[in-house]
C-alpha atoms as a PDB file:
ATOM      1  CA  MET A   1       0.162   0.112  -0.050  1.00  0.00           C
ATOM      2  CA  SER A   2       1.375   3.447  -0.826  1.00  0.00           C
ATOM      3  CA  ALA A   3       2.143   6.289   1.301  1.00  0.00           C
ATOM      4  CA  LYS A   4      -0.556   8.068  -0.270  1.00  0.00           C
ATOM      5  CA  GLN A   5      -3.449   5.421  -0.087  1.00  0.00           C
ATOM      6  CA  SER A   6      -2.447   4.752   3.462  1.00  0.00           C
ATOM      7  CA  THR A   7      -3.200   8.725   4.197  1.00  0.00           C
ATOM      8  CA  LEU A   8      -6.320   8.450   2.407  1.00  0.00           C
ATOM      9  CA  LEU A   9      -7.511   5.685   4.424  1.00  0.00           C
ATOM     10  CA  VAL A  10      -6.613   7.556   7.509  1.00  0.00           C
ATOM     11  CA  LEU A  11      -8.485  10.698   6.421  1.00  0.00           C
ATOM     12  CA  SER A  12     -11.666   8.714   5.664  1.00  0.00           C
ATOM     13  CA  ALA A  13     -11.520   7.136   8.850  1.00  0.00           C
ATOM     14  CA  LEU A  14     -11.618  10.297  10.721  1.00  0.00           C
ATOM     15  CA  LEU A  15     -13.798  11.859   8.317  1.00  0.00           C
ATOM     16  CA  MET A  16     -16.336   8.783   8.964  1.00  0.00           C
ATOM     17  CA  GLY A  17     -15.829   8.405  12.591  1.00  0.00           C
ATOM     18  CA  PRO A  18     -17.496  11.649  13.694  1.00  0.00           C
ATOM     19  CA  LEU A  19     -20.295  11.686  10.985  1.00  0.00           C
ATOM     20  CA  LEU A  20     -21.423   7.969  12.325  1.00  0.00           C
ATOM     21  CA  VAL A  21     -21.232   8.985  15.944  1.00  0.00           C
ATOM     22  CA  GLY A  22     -23.441  12.139  15.255  1.00  0.00           C
ATOM     23  CA  CYS A  23     -25.966  10.192  12.962  1.00  0.00           C
ATOM     24  CA  GLY A  24     -26.365   7.292  15.723  1.00  0.00           C
ATOM     25  CA  SER A  25     -26.570  10.006  18.348  1.00  0.00           C
ATOM     26  CA  ALA A  26     -29.305  12.109  16.970  1.00  0.00           C
ATOM     27  CA  ARG A  27     -31.115   8.834  16.087  1.00  0.00           C
ATOM     28  CA  MET A  28     -31.180   7.984  19.457  1.00  0.00           C
ATOM     29  CA  ALA A  29     -31.814  11.315  20.849  1.00  0.00           C
ATOM     30  CA  LYS A  30     -34.926  11.287  18.266  1.00  0.00           C
ATOM     31  CA  GLU A  31     -36.189   8.160  19.349  1.00  0.00           C
ATOM     32  CA  SER A  32     -35.877   8.522  23.006  1.00  0.00           C
ATOM     33  CA  ALA A  33     -36.808  12.168  23.272  1.00  0.00           C
ATOM     34  CA  PRO A  34     -39.929  12.454  25.751  1.00  0.00           C
ATOM     35  CA  MET A  35     -43.321  14.169  24.568  1.00  0.00           C
ATOM     36  CA  SER A  36     -43.941  17.667  24.026  1.00  0.00           C
ATOM     37  CA  VAL A  37     -46.327  20.165  25.665  1.00  0.00           C
ATOM     38  CA  ALA A  38     -47.167  23.237  24.463  1.00  0.00           C
ATOM     39  CA  ASP A  39     -46.677  26.843  26.652  1.00  0.00           C
ATOM     40  CA  SER A  40     -48.630  29.757  26.724  1.00  0.00           C
ATOM     41  CA  ASP A  41     -46.876  31.667  24.380  1.00  0.00           C
ATOM     42  CA  GLY A  42     -46.898  29.021  21.518  1.00  0.00           C
ATOM     43  CA  SER A  43     -43.473  27.400  22.163  1.00  0.00           C
ATOM     44  CA  THR A  44     -43.127  23.671  23.259  1.00  0.00           C
ATOM     45  CA  GLN A  45     -41.148  22.335  26.246  1.00  0.00           C
ATOM     46  CA  SER A  46     -39.972  18.576  26.431  1.00  0.00           C
ATOM     47  CA  GLY A  47     -41.889  17.123  29.517  1.00  0.00           C
ATOM     48  CA  ASP A  48     -38.585  15.580  31.409  1.00  0.00           C
ATOM     49  CA  ILE A  49     -35.990  18.291  30.498  1.00  0.00           C
ATOM     50  CA  GLY A  50     -37.928  21.079  29.949  1.00  0.00           C
ATOM     51  CA  GLU A  51     -36.070  22.282  26.887  1.00  0.00           C
ATOM     52  CA  THR A  52     -37.680  24.785  24.523  1.00  0.00           C
ATOM     53  CA  ARG A  53     -38.244  24.085  21.120  1.00  0.00           C
ATOM     54  CA  LYS A  54     -36.683  26.635  18.566  1.00  0.00           C
ATOM     55  CA  VAL A  55     -39.331  28.933  17.064  1.00  0.00           C
ATOM     56  CA  ILE A  56     -38.956  31.936  14.864  1.00  0.00           C
ATOM     57  CA  ARG A  57     -41.950  34.279  15.292  1.00  0.00           C
ATOM     58  CA  THR A  58     -42.608  37.181  12.659  1.00  0.00           C
ATOM     59  CA  ALA A  59     -45.316  39.657  13.785  1.00  0.00           C
ATOM     60  CA  SER A  60     -46.830  42.515  12.017  1.00  0.00           C
ATOM     61  CA  LEU A  61     -48.894  45.322  13.551  1.00  0.00           C
ATOM     62  CA  SER A  62     -50.968  48.366  11.941  1.00  0.00           C
ATOM     63  CA  LEU A  63     -52.037  51.310  13.982  1.00  0.00           C
ATOM     64  CA  SER A  64     -54.230  54.636  13.331  1.00  0.00           C
ATOM     65  CA  VAL A  65     -52.811  57.326  15.493  1.00  0.00           C
ATOM     66  CA  ASP A  66     -52.893  61.188  15.764  1.00  0.00           C
ATOM     67  CA  GLU A  67     -49.576  61.971  14.344  1.00  0.00           C
ATOM     68  CA  PRO A  68     -47.570  58.920  13.127  1.00  0.00           C
ATOM     69  CA  GLU A  69     -44.194  60.623  12.796  1.00  0.00           C
ATOM     70  CA  SER A  70     -44.255  62.020  16.224  1.00  0.00           C
ATOM     71  CA  CYS A  71     -44.630  58.282  17.430  1.00  0.00           C
ATOM     72  CA  ILE A  72     -41.084  56.900  15.439  1.00  0.00           C
ATOM     73  CA  ASN A  73     -39.114  58.176  18.705  1.00  0.00           C
ATOM     74  CA  THR A  74     -41.477  56.793  21.145  1.00  0.00           C
ATOM     75  CA  ILE A  75     -41.461  53.185  19.425  1.00  0.00           C
ATOM     76  CA  LYS A  76     -37.526  53.476  18.912  1.00  0.00           C
ATOM     77  CA  GLY A  77     -37.579  53.711  22.796  1.00  0.00           C
ATOM     78  CA  LEU A  78     -39.779  51.095  23.535  1.00  0.00           C
ATOM     79  CA  VAL A  79     -37.979  48.574  21.597  1.00  0.00           C
ATOM     80  CA  LYS A  80     -34.917  49.750  22.833  1.00  0.00           C
ATOM     81  CA  GLU A  81     -36.008  49.603  25.952  1.00  0.00           C
ATOM     82  CA  GLY A  82     -37.272  45.861  25.524  1.00  0.00           C
ATOM     83  CA  GLY A  83     -33.684  44.731  24.185  1.00  0.00           C
ATOM     84  CA  GLY A  84     -34.521  45.095  20.522  1.00  0.00           C
ATOM     85  CA  TYR A  85     -33.580  47.660  17.745  1.00  0.00           C
ATOM     86  CA  VAL A  86     -35.307  49.326  15.038  1.00  0.00           C
ATOM     87  CA  GLU A  87     -33.875  48.208  11.612  1.00  0.00           C
ATOM     88  CA  ASN A  88     -35.344  50.565   9.392  1.00  0.00           C
ATOM     89  CA  SER A  89     -38.429  53.582   9.347  1.00  0.00           C
ATOM     90  CA  ASN A  90     -39.904  55.263   6.434  1.00  0.00           C
ATOM     91  CA  ALA A  91     -42.287  58.128   6.584  1.00  0.00           C
ATOM     92  CA  THR A  92     -44.262  59.358   3.324  1.00  0.00           C
ATOM     93  CA  ARG A  93     -45.697  62.623   2.716  1.00  0.00           C
ATOM     94  CA  ASP A  94     -49.312  61.612   3.339  1.00  0.00           C
ATOM     95  CA  GLY A  95     -48.189  61.032   7.123  1.00  0.00           C
ATOM     96  CA  ARG A  96     -47.745  56.881   6.911  1.00  0.00           C
ATOM     97  CA  VAL A  97     -45.105  55.298   8.433  1.00  0.00           C
ATOM     98  CA  TYR A  98     -43.227  52.106   8.113  1.00  0.00           C
ATOM     99  CA  MET A  99     -41.108  50.442  10.736  1.00  0.00           C
ATOM    100  CA  THR A 100     -39.004  47.361  10.771  1.00  0.00           C
ATOM    101  CA  CYS A 101     -37.817  46.220  13.994  1.00  0.00           C
ATOM    102  CA  ARG A 102     -36.180  43.068  16.011  1.00  0.00           C
ATOM    103  CA  VAL A 103     -36.980  42.319  19.178  1.00  0.00           C
ATOM    104  CA  PRO A 104     -36.685  39.758  21.436  1.00  0.00           C
ATOM    105  CA  SER A 105     -39.026  36.737  20.837  1.00  0.00           C
ATOM    106  CA  LYS A 106     -39.814  36.246  24.494  1.00  0.00           C
ATOM    107  CA  ASP A 107     -41.152  39.716  25.182  1.00  0.00           C
ATOM    108  CA  LEU A 108     -42.991  39.886  21.399  1.00  0.00           C
ATOM    109  CA  THR A 109     -46.245  39.629  22.864  1.00  0.00           C
ATOM    110  CA  SER A 110     -45.650  42.327  25.623  1.00  0.00           C
ATOM    111  CA  ILE A 111     -43.950  45.022  23.043  1.00  0.00           C
ATOM    112  CA  LEU A 112     -46.568  44.670  20.577  1.00  0.00           C
ATOM    113  CA  ASP A 113     -49.035  45.603  23.333  1.00  0.00           C
ATOM    114  CA  ALA A 114     -46.911  48.741  24.411  1.00  0.00           C
ATOM    115  CA  VAL A 115     -46.641  49.841  20.725  1.00  0.00           C
ATOM    116  CA  ALA A 116     -50.300  49.271  20.145  1.00  0.00           C
ATOM    117  CA  ARG A 117     -51.392  51.394  23.089  1.00  0.00           C
ATOM    118  CA  LEU A 118     -50.199  54.367  21.087  1.00  0.00           C
ATOM    119  CA  GLY A 119     -53.184  54.376  18.862  1.00  0.00           C
ATOM    120  CA  SER A 120     -56.223  52.597  17.582  1.00  0.00           C
ATOM    121  CA  GLU A 121     -55.169  48.887  16.420  1.00  0.00           C
ATOM    122  CA  ASP A 122     -56.473  47.818  13.119  1.00  0.00           C
ATOM    123  CA  SER A 123     -54.611  44.653  12.628  1.00  0.00           C
ATOM    124  CA  ARG A 124     -52.130  42.390  14.308  1.00  0.00           C
ATOM    125  CA  ASN A 125     -50.789  39.147  12.812  1.00  0.00           C
ATOM    126  CA  VAL A 126     -48.136  36.570  14.597  1.00  0.00           C
ATOM    127  CA  SER A 127     -47.011  33.823  12.839  1.00  0.00           C
ATOM    128  CA  ALA A 128     -44.416  30.923  13.944  1.00  0.00           C
ATOM    129  CA  SER A 129     -42.440  28.685  12.371  1.00  0.00           C
ATOM    130  CA  ASP A 130     -40.713  25.577  14.288  1.00  0.00           C
ATOM    131  CA  VAL A 131     -37.045  25.108  13.377  1.00  0.00           C
ATOM    132  CA  THR A 132     -35.792  22.635  16.095  1.00  0.00           C
ATOM    133  CA  ASP A 133     -34.754  19.975  13.820  1.00  0.00           C
ATOM    134  CA  GLN A 134     -32.817  22.381  11.358  1.00  0.00           C
ATOM    135  CA  TYR A 135     -31.149  24.153  14.575  1.00  0.00           C
ATOM    136  CA  ASN A 136     -30.202  20.860  16.049  1.00  0.00           C
ATOM    137  CA  ASP A 137     -28.839  19.194  13.098  1.00  0.00           C
ATOM    138  CA  LEU A 138     -26.873  22.390  12.269  1.00  0.00           C
ATOM    139  CA  ALA A 139     -25.349  22.231  15.769  1.00  0.00           C
ATOM    140  CA  THR A 140     -24.482  18.714  15.594  1.00  0.00           C
ATOM    141  CA  ARG A 141     -22.712  18.960  12.318  1.00  0.00           C
ATOM    142  CA  LEU A 142     -20.870  21.900  13.228  1.00  0.00           C
ATOM    143  CA  LYS A 143     -19.850  20.302  16.156  1.00  0.00           C
ATOM    144  CA  ASN A 144     -18.787  17.403  14.501  1.00  0.00           C
ATOM    145  CA  SER A 145     -16.995  19.365  11.828  1.00  0.00           C
ATOM    146  CA  LYS A 146     -15.189  21.269  14.521  1.00  0.00           C
ATOM    147  CA  ALA A 147     -13.911  18.089  16.418  1.00  0.00           C
ATOM    148  CA  LEU A 148     -12.746  16.822  12.963  1.00  0.00           C
ATOM    149  CA  GLY A 149     -10.778  20.073  12.682  1.00  0.00           C
ATOM    150  CA  ASP A 150      -9.136  19.339  16.193  1.00  0.00           C
ATOM    151  CA  ARG A 151      -8.184  16.061  15.146  1.00  0.00           C
ATOM    152  CA  LEU A 152      -6.850  16.790  11.644  1.00  0.00           C
ATOM    153  CA  LYS A 153      -4.458  19.412  13.122  1.00  0.00           C
ATOM    154  CA  GLN A 154      -3.106  16.668  15.799  1.00  0.00           C
ATOM    155  CA  LEU A 155      -2.312  14.556  12.911  1.00  0.00           C
ATOM    156  CA  LEU A 156      -0.901  17.312  10.995  1.00  0.00           C
ATOM    157  CA  VAL A 157       1.550  18.211  13.894  1.00  0.00           C
ATOM    158  CA  LYS A 158       2.807  13.916  14.025  1.00  0.00           C
ATOM    159  CA  ALA A 159       3.056  14.090  10.229  1.00  0.00           C
ATOM    160  CA  ARG A 160       6.721  13.790   8.728  1.00  0.00           C
ATOM    161  CA  ASN A 161       5.776  12.859   5.057  1.00  0.00           C
ATOM    162  CA  VAL A 162       5.544  15.905   2.673  1.00  0.00           C
ATOM    163  CA  LYS A 163       3.050  13.996   0.697  1.00  0.00           C
ATOM    164  CA  ASP A 164       0.910  13.118   3.936  1.00  0.00           C
ATOM    165  CA  ILE A 165       1.431  17.045   5.076  1.00  0.00           C
ATOM    166  CA  LEU A 166      -0.054  18.209   1.907  1.00  0.00           C
ATOM    167  CA  GLU A 167      -2.801  15.858   1.882  1.00  0.00           C
ATOM    168  CA  ILE A 168      -3.617  16.676   5.636  1.00  0.00           C
ATOM    169  CA  GLU A 169      -3.521  20.287   4.653  1.00  0.00           C
ATOM    170  CA  LYS A 170      -5.816  20.111   2.299  1.00  0.00           C
ATOM    171  CA  GLU A 171      -8.499  18.439   3.926  1.00  0.00           C
ATOM    172  CA  LEU A 172      -8.325  20.681   6.804  1.00  0.00           C
ATOM    173  CA  VAL A 173      -8.638  23.726   4.472  1.00  0.00           C
ATOM    174  CA  ARG A 174     -11.929  21.934   3.251  1.00  0.00           C
ATOM    175  CA  ILE A 175     -13.339  21.274   6.949  1.00  0.00           C
ATOM    176  CA  GLN A 176     -12.655  24.763   8.166  1.00  0.00           C
ATOM    177  CA  THR A 177     -14.420  26.280   5.140  1.00  0.00           C
ATOM    178  CA  ASP A 178     -17.602  24.027   6.136  1.00  0.00           C
ATOM    179  CA  ILE A 179     -17.313  25.294   9.692  1.00  0.00           C
ATOM    180  CA  GLU A 180     -16.989  28.939   8.625  1.00  0.00           C
ATOM    181  CA  ARG A 181     -20.307  28.269   6.311  1.00  0.00           C
ATOM    182  CA  MET A 182     -21.882  25.967   8.787  1.00  0.00           C
ATOM    183  CA  GLN A 183     -21.138  28.643  11.522  1.00  0.00           C
ATOM    184  CA  GLY A 184     -22.464  31.774   9.238  1.00  0.00           C
ATOM    185  CA  ARG A 185     -25.800  29.567   8.812  1.00  0.00           C
ATOM    186  CA  PHE A 186     -26.730  28.873  12.373  1.00  0.00           C
ATOM    187  CA  ASP A 187     -25.770  31.976  13.547  1.00  0.00           C
ATOM    188  CA  ASN A 188     -28.234  33.359  11.134  1.00  0.00           C
ATOM    189  CA  LEU A 189     -30.922  30.808  12.487  1.00  0.00           C
ATOM    190  CA  LYS A 190     -30.025  31.499  16.160  1.00  0.00           C
ATOM    191  CA  GLY A 191     -30.401  35.432  15.440  1.00  0.00           C
ATOM    192  CA  ARG A 192     -34.021  34.652  14.022  1.00  0.00           C
ATOM    193  CA  VAL A 193     -34.838  32.340  16.896  1.00  0.00           C
ATOM    194  CA  GLU A 194     -33.977  34.658  19.640  1.00  0.00           C
ATOM    195  CA  LEU A 195     -35.311  38.087  17.821  1.00  0.00           C
ATOM    196  CA  SER A 196     -38.568  38.235  16.069  1.00  0.00           C
ATOM    197  CA  SER A 197     -38.779  40.399  13.143  1.00  0.00           C
ATOM    198  CA  VAL A 198     -41.639  42.968  13.439  1.00  0.00           C
ATOM    199  CA  SER A 199     -43.180  45.328  10.998  1.00  0.00           C
ATOM    200  CA  ILE A 200     -45.175  48.135  12.422  1.00  0.00           C
ATOM    201  CA  TYR A 201     -47.408  50.365  10.023  1.00  0.00           C
ATOM    202  CA  MET A 202     -49.235  53.528  11.049  1.00  0.00           C
ATOM    203  CA  GLN A 203     -51.707  56.163   9.644  1.00  0.00           C
ATOM    204  CA  LYS A 204     -53.122  58.773  10.615  1.00  0.00           C
ATOM    205  CA  SER A 205     -56.716  58.601  12.523  1.00  0.00           C
ATOM    206  CA  GLN A 206     -59.682  59.493  10.699  1.00  0.00           C
ATOM    207  CA  ILE A 207     -62.024  62.013  11.840  1.00  0.00           C
ATOM    208  CA  LEU A 208     -65.230  62.481  10.417  1.00  0.00           C
ATOM    209  CA  GLY A 209     -67.016  66.058   9.554  1.00  0.00           C
ATOM    210  CA  PRO A 210     -70.484  66.531   9.955  1.00  0.00           C
ATOM    211  CA  LEU A 211     -71.351  65.054   6.583  1.00  0.00           C
ATOM    212  CA  GLY A 212     -69.293  62.104   7.656  1.00  0.00           C
ATOM    213  CA  TYR A 213     -71.267  61.107  11.084  1.00  0.00           C
ATOM    214  CA  VAL A 214     -74.612  61.449   9.017  1.00  0.00           C
ATOM    215  CA  GLY A 215     -73.174  58.934   6.457  1.00  0.00           C
ATOM    216  CA  TYR A 216     -72.219  56.904   9.278  1.00  0.00           C
ATOM    217  CA  GLY A 217     -75.597  57.063  10.950  1.00  0.00           C
ATOM    218  CA  LEU A 218     -77.410  56.147   7.906  1.00  0.00           C
ATOM    219  CA  TRP A 219     -74.991  53.160   7.130  1.00  0.00           C
ATOM    220  CA  TRP A 220     -75.499  52.068  10.853  1.00  0.00           C
ATOM    221  CA  VAL A 221     -79.345  52.401  10.429  1.00  0.00           C
ATOM    222  CA  THR A 222     -79.067  50.429   7.069  1.00  0.00           C
ATOM    223  CA  LYS A 223     -77.160  47.758   8.489  1.00  0.00           C
ATOM    224  CA  LYS A 224     -79.510  46.996  11.298  1.00  0.00           C
ATOM    225  CA  LEU A 225     -82.645  46.797   9.087  1.00  0.00           C
ATOM    226  CA  PHE A 226     -80.951  43.963   7.429  1.00  0.00           C
ATOM    227  CA  VAL A 227     -78.834  42.314  10.438  1.00  0.00           C
ATOM    228  CA  ILE A 228     -79.896  42.377  13.744  1.00  0.00           C
ATOM    229  CA  ARG A 229     -76.953  40.679  15.384  1.00  0.00           C
END
């Protein structure tokens, strides 16, 4: 057996070992996972260990306020106080305001309620996406890749043959590239789980004139002629 073939066999063993262990551990964990129960905020926890599932929440809130632009700084303060930040805000010439914020997922409802109190709430929508499996898979793959990188570094220190050194360095570069890519995906996913995205839309409250009240009264009477409740 040549030196190159020997090196490739060693690298193959190093590569397959952590993967087999990771797959086996993931399968065993999935098979032995306890049943989950839902919390009041929509997240779920495992019955035995209380592990919270990883959920991405997205919300939108529409308000009618007297002066939308004057509420921008107030909302920024509420979001900052809650541990979040404003990504962008935009005010149009007709007085409408659009804002996008990131707030801690655990405080999403309380922050939405605080913002809603600034005016009259027209609509609210909150959606949730469970990414627990994706989160755990990335975490396991990242952990195994880092362990493999450490083993390759140890092997590189012990290598004496130039061909072996080159092969190990090549594989180490590939593994480090994979780690950087997975780390970026994992950090992005973790950030979306921890900080919910909130879209806020504000428009000026409508003030009815004399004819407006007459029209509203006629509409109400007409409605009651056809529908009692």
